C-alpha cells in the first residue's frame, strides 16, 4: 500500500505563488529540502513522503504542481522510469537531486525532463540558485509574474507621485491586486497622497525580505483597499541610500511580483543602485514632464540614460505631459521630437481638483471620477491592462503550439 503525506507549507491570499511539490522517500531529506524552499518568495510548498509501494512521484495527484523537486533514492531507476511513462506535456518542470553518482542516472533524469540535476551533498546556495532558474523559466513561459511599472519625474514637481498613486488606484480597480511601493527613502509621500498610516517601513521590509513570503509581505503593507496595498516610509524615520542593498530590493520585487498582479513603483528623481535595480527590470516606465525648456532639458538627459545605460526599450517608455496646455509655447510635437518618443500621454491642467485630492488623501478616481484628468488616467490604465491581456493571449498561443505542434 502506498503511504504518502502531503503537507501545505505556505500559501498567499489573492494572487497565489507557484505550487512546488517536493517528493522523497527519505523523511530527513524531505524536511531539509522543505526548509530551504519554503523560505523562497512566491512558492506554495507541499511535500510528499513516499515510504513504500508505488515509485511514481506523480501517482494519484488530485492537482498537478507547477514545479517538482524530486529527491531520488536507491530506487532512482524505477522512480525516473515511472516519470517517463507520463507524456512529456503532463510532467511538470522538474529538478532532481539525491543519489545520482552514476552516469546512467544523470542521463535518465534528463530524459525524464529534469532542468537540472544536483547530486548529494547539496549546498543550500546551489539548490536556491537552481530553483531560481527553474522559477524564472516557468514564469517567463506562463506569464505568472505581476507587471512592474515605474513612474519617475523628469524634474522636481513634475507630478510623478500624482501619476503613480492614481495609476495604482485605477489598476487596483480594473487590473487586480496592486502594490504601490515608494522608493524615495527620505522624502516619499505616497502614504500622504492616499492618507494611510504606515506601521512598517519599506526599509524594515528590505532588511527582513529574505525570510518573507507573500502573506508576510501583505501584513507589512498598509491597506488602502482590499486590492491596493501601500509600502512606504514611516514618519520621522531617516533612511540613507546605503541602508538598503540592491540584492534586497531585487528579492522584494521578485516577491511583490509573485504576490500582486501589478507593482507600481514611485521612483525619486535620481539614478543610483536602487533606482537602477528597478529600471533594469520594468515592464513600463512613465517619465513625467511639463511644457518648459528646463523640463525638456532634464527629461532628455533622463531618457538618454534609460535607453543607453539601462537598456529600457522604446516600447517600454512612455512620456506623460502633466498639466498639459494646448496654448503653451512648447507643443506636444516639440516634446515628442525632443525626447525622440512617439508614445505620449497628456494630463490636463486642473490644479484646484488635484490639490483637493492630495489634501484629502482621496485619489482622483474616487474624488472626481468624471473629471478630464481622471479620464486621462483611466485611459492610461486601460492601455496597460489591455496590453497585459494581449500579452497573455500570445503566451497561451505559444504554449499551445509547443504542446500540440501547431
Foldseek 3Di string as FASTA:
>chain_A
DWDKDKDWDDFFPFQTAFEEEEEDQDPVVQVVVCVLVVLAARYTYIYIHTNDDQLEPPPPDPDAGQEYEYEYDVVLVRHLVNLVVDPQVSHHAYEYEYQQPDPVSVVSCVSSRHPYYYYPPDDSVRVVVVVVVSSVVSCVLQVLFAAEEEFEELDPPLCRLLLLLQLQVLCLVPPFAEEEEEPPQADTCNCLLQVWAQPAAPLNCLVVVSRDYLHVVQVNWTPSDPRYTYHHGHPPDGDDPVSHALVSLLSVSRNRRSNHNYYYYYDYNDDDSNVLSSLLDHQAYEYGFEPDPVRLVSLQVVLCCSCPVSPDDLVRYEYEHEQDDCPDPQHPVNSCVSNVHPRYAYAHHDPVQSVVSSNVSHRCCVSPVPDRRNVSSSVVSVVVSVVSVVVSVVSVVVVVCVVVVD
